[in-house]
């Protein structure tokens, strides 16, 4: 299962993205809850690009 969301921050050259993933582990008896990943990125869009 996973979730990912990206948005531009208005009136700035910044972009924010958030992601979550739950990786269930099958066949491993000692873990019954899986592995959780959470990521948050703040991206600066460089103003030095061609239009």
N, C-alpha and C. Protein backbone atom coordinates (compact mmCIF):
# COMPACT_ATOMS: atom_id res chain seq x y z
N UNK A 1 0.84 -1.16 0.00
CA UNK A 1 0.00 0.00 0.00
C UNK A 1 0.90 1.24 0.00
N UNK A 2 0.51 2.24 -0.74
CA UNK A 2 1.30 3.46 -0.78
C UNK A 2 0.45 4.67 -1.06
N UNK A 3 1.01 5.83 -0.71
CA UNK A 3 0.33 7.11 -0.92
C UNK A 3 1.41 8.14 -1.26
N UNK A 4 1.14 8.98 -2.24
CA UNK A 4 2.09 10.01 -2.65
C UNK A 4 1.31 11.26 -3.05
N UNK A 5 1.75 12.42 -2.58
CA UNK A 5 1.08 13.68 -2.90
C UNK A 5 2.13 14.74 -3.17
N UNK A 6 1.96 15.49 -4.26
CA UNK A 6 2.88 16.57 -4.61
C UNK A 6 2.08 17.82 -4.93
N UNK A 7 2.58 18.98 -4.46
CA UNK A 7 1.91 20.24 -4.74
C UNK A 7 2.94 21.36 -4.84
N UNK A 8 2.63 22.36 -5.65
CA UNK A 8 3.45 23.56 -5.72
C UNK A 8 2.97 24.53 -4.65
N UNK A 9 3.91 25.19 -3.98
CA UNK A 9 3.57 26.19 -2.98
C UNK A 9 3.36 27.51 -3.72
N UNK A 10 2.17 28.10 -3.65
CA UNK A 10 1.87 29.31 -4.44
C UNK A 10 2.83 30.46 -4.16
N UNK A 11 3.16 31.18 -5.24
CA UNK A 11 3.99 32.39 -5.20
C UNK A 11 5.40 32.15 -4.67
N UNK A 12 5.88 30.91 -4.76
CA UNK A 12 7.26 30.58 -4.41
C UNK A 12 7.78 29.59 -5.45
N UNK A 13 9.10 29.44 -5.55
CA UNK A 13 9.65 28.42 -6.46
C UNK A 13 9.76 27.04 -5.78
N UNK A 14 8.95 26.81 -4.75
CA UNK A 14 9.06 25.57 -3.97
C UNK A 14 7.95 24.59 -4.30
N UNK A 15 8.28 23.32 -4.17
CA UNK A 15 7.33 22.22 -4.37
C UNK A 15 7.46 21.29 -3.17
N UNK A 16 6.35 20.81 -2.65
CA UNK A 16 6.33 19.92 -1.51
C UNK A 16 5.75 18.59 -1.92
N UNK A 17 6.42 17.50 -1.52
CA UNK A 17 5.81 16.19 -1.72
C UNK A 17 5.93 15.35 -0.46
N UNK A 18 4.91 14.52 -0.27
CA UNK A 18 4.81 13.66 0.91
C UNK A 18 4.47 12.27 0.41
N UNK A 19 5.15 11.26 0.96
CA UNK A 19 4.87 9.89 0.56
C UNK A 19 4.85 8.96 1.76
N UNK A 20 4.04 7.92 1.66
CA UNK A 20 3.95 6.89 2.70
C UNK A 20 3.83 5.53 2.03
N UNK A 21 4.51 4.54 2.59
CA UNK A 21 4.39 3.18 2.06
C UNK A 21 4.40 2.19 3.23
N UNK A 22 3.52 1.21 3.18
CA UNK A 22 3.48 0.12 4.14
C UNK A 22 3.82 -1.15 3.38
N UNK A 23 4.96 -1.74 3.70
CA UNK A 23 5.44 -2.94 3.03
C UNK A 23 5.21 -4.13 3.96
N UNK A 24 4.18 -4.91 3.68
CA UNK A 24 3.86 -6.07 4.51
C UNK A 24 4.84 -7.19 4.21
N UNK A 25 5.30 -7.85 5.25
CA UNK A 25 6.27 -8.94 5.11
C UNK A 25 5.54 -10.26 5.33
N UNK A 26 5.45 -11.06 4.28
CA UNK A 26 4.78 -12.35 4.39
C UNK A 26 5.83 -13.45 4.57
N UNK A 27 5.47 -14.46 5.32
CA UNK A 27 6.36 -15.59 5.50
C UNK A 27 7.43 -15.37 6.57
N UNK A 28 7.36 -14.27 7.29
CA UNK A 28 8.32 -13.98 8.35
C UNK A 28 7.54 -13.94 9.65
N UNK A 29 7.66 -14.97 10.48
CA UNK A 29 6.80 -15.15 11.65
C UNK A 29 7.05 -14.14 12.77
N UNK A 30 8.22 -13.55 12.85
CA UNK A 30 8.53 -12.65 13.96
C UNK A 30 7.97 -11.24 13.76
N UNK A 31 7.56 -10.92 12.56
CA UNK A 31 7.01 -9.59 12.29
C UNK A 31 5.62 -9.76 11.71
N UNK A 32 4.61 -9.15 12.35
CA UNK A 32 3.26 -9.27 11.82
C UNK A 32 2.66 -7.91 11.49
N UNK A 33 3.48 -6.85 11.52
CA UNK A 33 2.94 -5.51 11.28
C UNK A 33 3.52 -4.86 10.04
N UNK A 34 4.56 -5.41 9.43
CA UNK A 34 5.13 -4.84 8.22
C UNK A 34 6.16 -3.76 8.51
N UNK A 35 6.54 -3.06 7.47
CA UNK A 35 7.53 -2.00 7.56
C UNK A 35 6.89 -0.72 7.01
N UNK A 36 7.08 0.39 7.69
CA UNK A 36 6.48 1.66 7.30
C UNK A 36 7.57 2.63 6.85
N UNK A 37 7.33 3.32 5.74
CA UNK A 37 8.25 4.33 5.22
C UNK A 37 7.48 5.64 5.09
N UNK A 38 8.10 6.72 5.53
CA UNK A 38 7.51 8.05 5.39
C UNK A 38 8.57 8.97 4.81
N UNK A 39 8.22 9.72 3.78
CA UNK A 39 9.15 10.64 3.14
C UNK A 39 8.49 11.99 2.95
N UNK A 40 9.26 13.05 3.19
CA UNK A 40 8.81 14.42 2.97
C UNK A 40 9.94 15.14 2.25
N UNK A 41 9.65 15.76 1.13
CA UNK A 41 10.65 16.48 0.34
C UNK A 41 10.18 17.90 0.10
N UNK A 42 11.12 18.82 0.19
CA UNK A 42 10.90 20.21 -0.20
C UNK A 42 11.86 20.48 -1.35
N UNK A 43 11.31 20.77 -2.52
CA UNK A 43 12.11 20.90 -3.74
C UNK A 43 12.10 22.35 -4.18
N UNK A 44 13.28 22.86 -4.45
CA UNK A 44 13.44 24.23 -4.96
C UNK A 44 13.60 24.14 -6.47
N UNK A 45 12.68 24.69 -7.22
CA UNK A 45 12.75 24.70 -8.68
C UNK A 45 13.70 25.81 -9.10
N UNK A 46 14.82 25.44 -9.66
CA UNK A 46 15.84 26.41 -10.04
C UNK A 46 15.30 27.38 -11.08
N UNK A 47 15.56 28.67 -10.89
CA UNK A 47 15.04 29.65 -11.84
C UNK A 47 15.89 29.74 -13.13
N UNK A 48 16.97 28.99 -13.22
CA UNK A 48 17.89 29.06 -14.35
C UNK A 48 17.63 27.96 -15.36
N UNK A 49 16.44 27.91 -15.89
CA UNK A 49 16.12 26.91 -16.92
C UNK A 49 15.55 27.61 -18.15
N UNK A 50 15.62 26.90 -19.27
CA UNK A 50 15.06 27.45 -20.51
C UNK A 50 13.55 27.32 -20.50
N UNK A 51 12.89 28.28 -21.09
CA UNK A 51 11.43 28.27 -21.19
C UNK A 51 11.01 27.69 -22.52
